[in-house]
Protein backbone atom coordinates (compact mmCIF):
# COMPACT_ATOMS: atom_id res chain seq x y z
CA UNK A 1 17.91 -9.12 -68.43
CA UNK A 2 20.83 -10.89 -66.77
CA UNK A 3 22.82 -9.28 -63.80
CA UNK A 4 25.88 -8.94 -65.25
CA UNK A 5 24.49 -7.20 -68.21
CA UNK A 6 22.71 -5.35 -65.62
CA UNK A 7 25.65 -3.78 -63.63
CA UNK A 8 27.30 -3.21 -67.17
CA UNK A 9 24.43 -0.98 -68.72
CA UNK A 10 23.61 1.17 -65.29
CA UNK A 11 25.50 3.55 -63.43
CA UNK A 12 26.33 3.26 -59.81
CA UNK A 13 24.24 6.18 -58.66
CA UNK A 14 21.31 4.30 -60.25
CA UNK A 15 21.75 1.34 -58.45
CA UNK A 16 22.31 3.12 -54.99
CA UNK A 17 18.53 4.83 -55.96
CA UNK A 18 17.41 1.54 -56.96
CA UNK A 19 18.42 -0.31 -52.83
CA UNK A 20 16.97 2.52 -51.30
CA UNK A 21 14.30 3.96 -53.40
CA UNK A 22 11.50 1.87 -51.34
CA UNK A 23 12.31 3.38 -48.18
CA UNK A 24 12.40 6.58 -49.66
CA UNK A 25 8.77 6.59 -51.28
CA UNK A 26 7.61 5.90 -47.55
CA UNK A 27 10.17 8.65 -45.53
CA UNK A 28 10.07 11.54 -47.78
CA UNK A 29 6.26 12.14 -47.88
CA UNK A 30 6.07 12.43 -43.91
CA UNK A 31 9.58 14.32 -42.77
CA UNK A 32 11.29 11.07 -42.03
CA UNK A 33 14.10 10.34 -44.50
CA UNK A 34 17.14 12.56 -43.39
CA UNK A 35 18.68 15.82 -44.68
CA UNK A 36 21.63 14.80 -47.06
CA UNK A 37 24.20 17.23 -47.97
CA UNK A 38 22.26 17.80 -51.35
CA UNK A 39 19.26 18.67 -49.56
CA UNK A 40 17.79 21.90 -50.83
CA UNK A 41 16.57 24.44 -48.69
CA UNK A 42 12.91 23.73 -49.54
CA UNK A 43 13.18 20.31 -49.11
CA UNK A 44 14.15 21.18 -45.49
CA UNK A 45 11.20 23.43 -45.44
CA UNK A 46 8.91 20.75 -46.63
CA UNK A 47 10.04 18.65 -44.25
CA UNK A 48 9.06 20.29 -41.21
CA UNK A 49 5.76 21.42 -42.11
CA UNK A 50 5.66 17.29 -42.97
CA UNK A 51 6.21 16.26 -39.56
CA UNK A 52 3.49 19.45 -38.04
CA UNK A 53 1.06 17.92 -40.22
CA UNK A 54 2.21 14.13 -39.40
CA UNK A 55 2.53 14.44 -35.83
CA UNK A 56 -1.28 16.73 -35.15
CA UNK A 57 -3.29 14.34 -37.82
CA UNK A 58 -1.80 11.19 -35.34
CA UNK A 59 -2.03 13.03 -31.81
CA UNK A 60 -5.37 14.55 -32.75
CA UNK A 61 -7.34 11.06 -32.97
CA UNK A 62 -5.67 9.70 -29.92
CA UNK A 63 -6.68 12.26 -27.75
CA UNK A 64 -10.36 12.08 -29.10
CA UNK A 65 -10.35 8.68 -29.45
CA UNK A 66 -8.47 7.07 -26.52
CA UNK A 67 -10.99 8.05 -23.42
CA UNK A 68 -13.69 6.35 -24.94
CA UNK A 69 -11.54 3.41 -24.76
CA UNK A 70 -11.73 3.97 -20.35
CA UNK A 71 -14.53 6.17 -19.85
CA UNK A 72 -17.32 5.63 -22.08
CA UNK A 73 -17.60 1.94 -23.39
CA UNK A 74 -19.05 -0.09 -20.63
CA UNK A 75 -18.76 -4.16 -22.12
CA UNK A 76 -14.99 -5.67 -22.42
CA UNK A 77 -16.11 -6.36 -26.29
CA UNK A 78 -16.57 -2.28 -26.77
CA UNK A 79 -13.36 -1.44 -25.28
CA UNK A 80 -11.11 -3.30 -26.61
CA UNK A 81 -12.91 -2.48 -30.08
CA UNK A 82 -11.69 0.74 -29.09
CA UNK A 83 -7.98 0.34 -27.53
CA UNK A 84 -6.97 -1.41 -30.81
CA UNK A 85 -7.04 0.84 -32.76
CA UNK A 86 -5.82 3.50 -30.52
CA UNK A 87 -2.87 1.23 -29.86
CA UNK A 88 -2.25 1.06 -33.83
CA UNK A 89 -2.08 4.90 -34.16
CA UNK A 90 -0.81 5.78 -30.47
CA UNK A 91 2.67 2.97 -30.97
CA UNK A 92 2.60 4.61 -34.65
CA UNK A 93 3.42 8.07 -32.88
CA UNK A 94 6.09 6.49 -30.97
CA UNK A 95 7.98 4.89 -33.64
CA UNK A 96 7.24 8.28 -35.84
CA UNK A 97 8.92 9.95 -33.15
CA UNK A 98 12.37 7.62 -33.06
CA UNK A 99 12.79 7.88 -36.44
CA UNK A 100 12.43 11.68 -36.76
CA UNK A 101 15.35 11.22 -33.35
CA UNK A 102 17.58 8.71 -35.16
CA UNK A 103 18.03 10.90 -37.79
CA UNK A 104 21.64 11.33 -37.82
CA UNK A 105 21.44 7.35 -37.30
CA UNK A 106 19.85 6.87 -40.52
CA UNK A 107 22.14 9.74 -42.74
CA UNK A 108 24.70 7.90 -41.37
CA UNK A 109 23.58 4.42 -42.66
CA UNK A 110 22.31 6.29 -46.30
CA UNK A 111 25.70 7.04 -46.68
CA UNK A 112 27.60 4.25 -45.74
CA UNK A 113 25.43 2.01 -48.58
CA UNK A 114 26.31 4.62 -51.14
CA UNK A 115 29.87 4.84 -50.25
CA UNK A 116 29.93 0.83 -50.29
CA UNK A 117 28.40 1.03 -53.78
CA UNK A 118 30.86 4.04 -54.58
CA UNK A 119 33.52 1.60 -53.51
CA UNK A 120 33.17 -1.60 -54.82
CA UNK A 121 34.73 -2.04 -58.09
CA UNK A 122 34.84 -6.30 -58.92
CA UNK A 123 32.01 -6.70 -60.94
CA UNK A 124 31.34 -9.71 -58.77
CA UNK A 125 31.15 -7.95 -55.69
CA UNK A 126 28.72 -5.46 -57.58
CA UNK A 127 26.40 -8.99 -58.13
CA UNK A 128 26.25 -10.11 -54.74
CA UNK A 129 25.40 -6.83 -53.62
CA UNK A 130 22.57 -5.83 -56.36
CA UNK A 131 21.43 -9.86 -55.45
CA UNK A 132 20.40 -8.74 -51.95
CA UNK A 133 19.00 -5.39 -52.56
CA UNK A 134 16.59 -6.90 -54.80
CA UNK A 135 16.14 -9.46 -51.77
CA UNK A 136 15.63 -6.22 -49.54
CA UNK A 137 13.53 -4.53 -52.23
CA UNK A 138 10.68 -8.06 -51.97
CA UNK A 139 10.43 -8.06 -48.39
CA UNK A 140 9.89 -4.25 -48.55
CA UNK A 141 6.99 -5.03 -50.45
CA UNK A 142 5.62 -7.55 -48.99
CA UNK A 143 5.94 -5.85 -46.17
CA UNK A 144 3.97 -2.86 -47.20
CA UNK A 145 1.02 -4.83 -49.17
CA UNK A 146 0.32 -6.88 -45.45
CA UNK A 147 0.93 -3.78 -43.77
CA UNK A 148 -1.51 -0.89 -45.91
CA UNK A 149 -3.96 -3.79 -47.04
CA UNK A 150 -5.13 -5.36 -43.88
CA UNK A 151 -4.98 -1.39 -41.46
CA UNK A 152 -6.86 0.41 -44.60
CA UNK A 153 -9.33 -2.41 -45.18
CA UNK A 154 -10.26 -2.55 -42.18
CA UNK A 155 -10.45 1.43 -41.94
CA UNK A 156 -12.74 1.52 -45.56
CA UNK A 157 -14.84 -1.46 -44.12
CA UNK A 158 -15.61 0.57 -41.60
CA UNK A 159 -16.77 3.65 -43.64
CA UNK A 160 -18.69 1.95 -45.45
CA UNK A 161 -21.06 0.56 -42.56
CA UNK A 162 -23.55 2.99 -41.27
CA UNK A 163 -24.78 3.27 -37.75
CA UNK A 164 -28.87 3.92 -36.66
CA UNK A 165 -28.40 6.19 -33.63
CA UNK A 166 -31.12 8.42 -31.66
CA UNK A 167 -30.84 12.02 -30.88
CA UNK A 168 -33.38 12.60 -29.65
CA UNK A 169 -36.82 12.43 -31.20
CA UNK A 170 -34.76 12.03 -34.61
CA UNK A 171 -32.94 8.83 -36.52
CA UNK A 172 -29.64 9.87 -37.95
CA UNK A 173 -28.00 7.22 -39.97
CA UNK A 174 -23.94 8.04 -39.98
CA UNK A 175 -20.93 6.46 -41.00
CA UNK A 176 -19.25 3.79 -38.44
CA UNK A 177 -15.99 5.31 -37.46
CA UNK A 178 -12.41 3.28 -37.13
CA UNK A 179 -12.19 4.26 -33.73
CA UNK A 180 -14.64 5.80 -31.83
CA UNK A 181 -14.84 8.38 -30.32
CA UNK A 182 -15.40 10.04 -26.74
CA UNK A 183 -18.81 11.70 -27.61
CA UNK A 184 -17.84 14.45 -24.89
CA UNK A 185 -15.07 15.38 -26.83
CA UNK A 186 -16.43 16.16 -29.75
CA UNK A 187 -19.88 15.26 -31.23
CA UNK A 188 -19.23 13.24 -34.07
CA UNK A 189 -23.45 12.57 -34.68
CA UNK A 190 -23.93 15.59 -36.54
CA UNK A 191 -23.20 14.56 -40.62
CA UNK A 192 -19.93 17.64 -41.47
CA UNK A 193 -18.16 16.24 -38.18
CA UNK A 194 -19.44 12.94 -38.96
CA UNK A 195 -17.80 12.80 -42.45
CA UNK A 196 -14.45 15.37 -41.67
CA UNK A 197 -13.54 13.42 -38.59
CA UNK A 198 -13.76 9.53 -40.46
CA UNK A 199 -11.87 11.30 -43.00
CA UNK A 200 -8.97 12.41 -40.53
CA UNK A 201 -9.07 9.14 -39.60
CA UNK A 202 -8.46 7.43 -42.63
CA UNK A 203 -5.94 9.80 -43.00
CA UNK A 204 -3.97 9.57 -39.90
CA UNK A 205 -3.93 5.59 -40.48
CA UNK A 206 -2.23 6.49 -43.44
CA UNK A 207 0.22 8.17 -42.04
CA UNK A 208 0.49 5.76 -38.83
CA UNK A 209 0.98 2.60 -41.96
CA UNK A 210 3.65 5.07 -43.84
CA UNK A 211 5.80 5.77 -40.60
CA UNK A 212 5.46 1.58 -39.52
CA UNK A 213 6.34 0.38 -43.43
CA UNK A 214 8.49 2.79 -43.55
CA UNK A 215 10.25 1.65 -40.55
CA UNK A 216 10.47 -2.50 -41.65
CA UNK A 217 11.49 -0.64 -45.22
CA UNK A 218 14.14 0.07 -43.70
CA UNK A 219 15.28 -2.46 -41.53
CA UNK A 220 15.31 -4.68 -44.08
CA UNK A 221 16.88 -2.99 -47.08
CA UNK A 222 19.45 -2.28 -44.45
CA UNK A 223 20.20 -5.93 -43.66
CA UNK A 224 19.83 -6.92 -46.97
CA UNK A 225 23.02 -4.32 -47.90
CA UNK A 226 24.78 -5.95 -44.58
CA UNK A 227 24.40 -9.18 -45.39
CA UNK A 228 26.03 -8.48 -49.01
CA UNK A 229 28.73 -7.03 -47.41
CA UNK A 230 29.81 -10.24 -45.18
CA UNK A 231 29.34 -12.31 -48.39
CA UNK A 232 31.43 -10.36 -49.87
CA UNK A 233 34.13 -10.11 -47.40
CA UNK A 234 34.05 -13.95 -46.95
CA UNK A 235 34.45 -14.33 -50.31
CA UNK A 236 37.49 -12.23 -50.22
CA UNK A 237 39.13 -14.42 -47.65
CA UNK A 238 38.44 -17.39 -49.15
CA UNK A 239 40.16 -16.22 -51.90
CA UNK A 240 43.05 -14.20 -49.96
CA UNK A 241 43.72 -17.77 -48.51
CA UNK A 242 43.76 -19.72 -51.51
CA UNK A 243 46.41 -17.14 -52.87
CA UNK A 244 48.21 -16.16 -49.99
CA UNK A 245 50.67 -19.87 -51.19
CA UNK A 246 52.10 -17.19 -54.17
CA UNK A 247 52.08 -14.22 -52.96
CA UNK A 248 55.21 -12.18 -50.37
CA UNK A 249 54.72 -11.73 -46.61
CA UNK A 250 54.16 -8.16 -47.38
CA UNK A 251 51.18 -7.92 -49.99
CA UNK A 252 50.07 -10.51 -48.58
CA UNK A 253 49.34 -8.74 -45.09
CA UNK A 254 48.13 -5.49 -46.95
CA UNK A 255 45.50 -7.54 -48.93
CA UNK A 256 44.69 -8.93 -45.16
CA UNK A 257 43.89 -5.47 -43.60
CA UNK A 258 41.99 -4.10 -46.41
CA UNK A 259 39.86 -7.51 -45.44
CA UNK A 260 39.73 -6.68 -42.09
CA UNK A 261 38.69 -3.20 -42.64
CA UNK A 262 36.20 -3.90 -44.78
CA UNK A 263 35.05 -6.79 -42.00
CA UNK A 264 34.89 -3.70 -38.90
CA UNK A 265 33.03 -1.35 -40.73
CA UNK A 266 30.31 -3.71 -42.07
CA UNK A 267 30.62 -4.67 -38.41
CA UNK A 268 30.21 -1.18 -37.37
CA UNK A 269 27.63 -0.47 -39.64
CA UNK A 270 25.18 -3.60 -38.02
CA UNK A 271 26.08 -1.42 -34.86
CA UNK A 272 24.11 1.73 -35.93
CA UNK A 273 21.38 -0.55 -37.63
CA UNK A 274 20.43 -1.61 -33.62
CA UNK A 275 21.08 1.87 -32.43
CA UNK A 276 18.38 2.61 -35.30
CA UNK A 277 15.96 -0.40 -34.61
CA UNK A 278 16.29 -1.18 -30.65
CA UNK A 279 13.48 1.13 -29.37
CA UNK A 280 11.48 0.58 -32.26
CA UNK A 281 11.68 -3.39 -32.08
CA UNK A 282 10.97 -3.02 -28.64
CA UNK A 283 7.62 -1.13 -29.19
CA UNK A 284 7.10 -3.54 -32.03
CA UNK A 285 6.95 -6.26 -29.62
CA UNK A 286 4.65 -4.69 -26.27
CA UNK A 287 2.34 -3.30 -29.80
CA UNK A 288 2.10 -6.74 -31.98
CA UNK A 289 1.66 -8.77 -28.25
CA UNK A 290 -1.22 -6.31 -27.44
CA UNK A 291 -2.53 -6.20 -31.39
CA UNK A 292 -2.50 -10.72 -31.23
CA UNK A 293 -4.33 -10.58 -28.57
CA UNK A 294 -7.01 -8.15 -29.28
CA UNK A 295 -7.51 -8.73 -32.77
CA UNK A 296 -8.35 -12.63 -31.75
CA UNK A 297 -10.22 -11.66 -29.23
CA UNK A 298 -12.37 -9.92 -32.59
CA UNK A 299 -11.90 -13.36 -34.56
CA UNK A 300 -13.81 -15.27 -31.83
CA UNK A 301 -16.61 -12.53 -31.45
CA UNK A 302 -16.51 -11.92 -35.11
CA UNK A 303 -17.37 -15.84 -35.50
CA UNK A 304 -19.84 -16.06 -32.99
CA UNK A 305 -22.18 -13.20 -34.78
CA UNK A 306 -20.76 -14.69 -37.88
CA UNK A 307 -19.82 -11.41 -39.09
CA UNK A 308 -18.23 -12.53 -42.65
CA UNK A 309 -17.18 -8.86 -43.57
CA UNK A 310 -15.29 -7.84 -40.31
CA UNK A 311 -13.31 -11.97 -39.93
CA UNK A 312 -12.11 -11.17 -43.02
CA UNK A 313 -10.33 -7.65 -42.59
CA UNK A 314 -9.65 -8.85 -38.42
CA UNK A 315 -7.42 -12.03 -40.54
CA UNK A 316 -5.82 -9.69 -42.54
CA UNK A 317 -4.83 -7.52 -39.94
CA UNK A 318 -3.59 -10.19 -37.61
CA UNK A 319 -1.75 -11.93 -40.42
CA UNK A 320 -0.10 -8.42 -41.49
CA UNK A 321 1.14 -7.70 -37.64
CA UNK A 322 2.33 -11.47 -37.54
CA UNK A 323 4.08 -11.27 -40.96
CA UNK A 324 6.07 -8.07 -39.78
CA UNK A 325 7.13 -8.72 -35.91
CA UNK A 326 8.79 -12.64 -37.93
CA UNK A 327 10.75 -10.27 -40.44
CA UNK A 328 12.15 -8.02 -37.68
CA UNK A 329 12.84 -10.91 -35.78
CA UNK A 330 14.25 -12.82 -39.28
CA UNK A 331 16.24 -9.90 -39.97
CA UNK A 332 18.30 -10.01 -36.34
CA UNK A 333 18.67 -13.91 -36.94
CA UNK A 334 20.34 -13.68 -39.95
CA UNK A 335 22.35 -10.52 -38.96
CA UNK A 336 24.20 -12.74 -36.38
CA UNK A 337 23.79 -16.06 -38.06
CA UNK A 338 25.94 -14.39 -41.10
CA UNK A 339 28.38 -12.43 -38.72
CA UNK A 340 28.81 -15.80 -36.58
CA UNK A 341 29.35 -17.55 -40.57
CA UNK A 342 32.82 -15.11 -41.20
CA UNK A 343 35.00 -17.18 -38.67
CA UNK A 344 33.53 -20.49 -40.02
CA UNK A 345 34.61 -19.42 -43.23
CA UNK A 346 38.02 -18.33 -42.07
CA UNK A 347 38.33 -21.92 -40.39
CA UNK A 348 36.46 -24.02 -43.37
CA UNK A 349 39.83 -22.93 -45.86
CA UNK A 350 42.65 -24.74 -46.10
CA UNK A 351 44.49 -21.60 -43.53
CA UNK A 352 47.05 -24.70 -42.86
CA UNK A 353 49.20 -24.03 -45.50
CA UNK A 354 49.71 -20.60 -44.56
CA UNK A 355 52.85 -18.80 -43.14
CA UNK A 356 52.49 -19.20 -38.84
CA UNK A 357 51.56 -15.36 -38.63
CA UNK A 358 49.39 -15.41 -41.35
CA UNK A 359 47.26 -17.87 -39.29
CA UNK A 360 47.79 -15.86 -36.20
CA UNK A 361 46.12 -12.98 -37.70
CA UNK A 362 43.31 -15.14 -39.30
CA UNK A 363 42.04 -16.61 -35.95
CA UNK A 364 41.97 -13.15 -34.63
CA UNK A 365 38.66 -12.69 -37.43
CA UNK A 366 37.52 -15.85 -36.11
CA UNK A 367 37.89 -14.40 -32.54
CA UNK A 368 35.79 -11.29 -33.56
CA UNK A 369 33.65 -13.12 -35.66
CA UNK A 370 32.35 -15.16 -32.54
CA UNK A 371 31.39 -11.98 -30.60
CA UNK A 372 27.88 -12.03 -30.72
CA UNK A 373 26.18 -8.78 -33.01
CA UNK A 374 22.57 -9.11 -32.55
CA UNK A 375 19.08 -6.81 -33.05
CA UNK A 376 17.54 -5.98 -30.29
CA UNK A 377 14.30 -4.74 -29.11
CA UNK A 378 15.65 -1.91 -26.37
CA UNK A 379 18.89 -3.55 -25.95
CA UNK A 380 16.73 -6.21 -23.98
CA UNK A 381 15.25 -9.04 -25.93
CA UNK A 382 17.29 -10.90 -28.71
CA UNK A 383 15.41 -10.38 -31.87
CA UNK A 384 16.08 -14.19 -32.86
CA UNK A 385 12.78 -16.82 -34.61
CA UNK A 386 12.36 -17.72 -30.58
CA UNK A 387 11.43 -14.05 -30.10
CA UNK A 388 8.75 -14.33 -32.62
CA UNK A 389 7.48 -17.66 -30.72
CA UNK A 390 7.65 -16.60 -27.57
CA UNK A 391 5.59 -13.03 -29.06
CA UNK A 392 3.06 -15.57 -30.90
CA UNK A 393 2.64 -17.79 -27.26
CA UNK A 394 1.77 -14.97 -25.26
CA UNK A 395 -0.19 -13.10 -26.97
CA UNK A 396 -2.08 -16.16 -27.55
CA UNK A 397 -2.10 -16.75 -23.64
CA UNK A 398 -3.06 -13.36 -23.01
CA UNK A 399 -5.75 -14.04 -25.67
CA UNK A 400 -7.35 -17.49 -23.05
CA UNK A 401 -6.83 -15.03 -20.51
CA UNK A 402 -9.26 -12.30 -22.19
CA UNK A 403 -11.63 -15.00 -23.29
CA UNK A 404 -12.13 -17.08 -19.75
CA UNK A 405 -12.72 -13.52 -18.08
CA UNK A 406 -15.12 -12.14 -20.37
């Protein structure tokens, strides 16, 4: 089916659902999807119950596992083997909290997207929006596959492994846990307790992954929609300049006002994306730098021990982390470039054929486009591809330092 026939055969509501569906799939089960005007009381209660269950699961694992890395692990390798998974749960808990605190901004972004779909009447503009909606879904799908595949495969491989321990005069075989537990808080050497904690850790890992994947899905879909709106603005500017010579001045100014209003609404939408994402990006930069160092160290140790099973899962996790931070940095880069491109499109049109007052109005669009719109990490670091390179380099610098020290 072609794009035109797809648009003609479906409603705007279907397009809205098509755009937001992947993010809703991940955020709604963990209670992080914002309540809308149509949300029922039962759905609100279920969301609160989901919040309590998710928080309890994440905090339980962090509390029983974090002391092991500092109080019980005796070597650098065992400390890092424990600290890596715990850091994933800890940062995911912070990101989950940020999602809940930013529900109002997320709801505004969702409502903005719905309004754009409802108010867009031109078929070619709908084609552009649908094209970028598909792009956002593809990126969201790849993020989910890499993140869930990498972390859950590590948990499953650890769960299928066994350890032989000595309790008094008795030798026991227990399942290896993805994250070692501080045994003074909870004894996991007994059979029922070992299986219960193993299930709890896998369950909480799924929640942690879902919150992180939901964040990346949300960022990808919102950024794709913003890029689509900016492309529509650029197309309208080109059409306006080409057709303004045959129109009356009042009609031309009215159409230009609508274009400027659309441009400013899109920039405001991007500012809201920045408000939602800046704290999350900050913790993701910290987490990715730390995890690149830790997983790199695991890979070196497993390579030396020729442990193919652990080496494979570690490489998958490493690729997942690198891919996800690349997506975050690329989103910031592409949004900044698209915002600047609006001014470039104005300049590249045949503006010199227009009346002088119309040209002055176009200069204001160029001036506004020159103001850089950035997606930042904690309003400190601009998320660009250069930032991605800095994160990779910093992670390997710490890895080299750790390797020499150990």
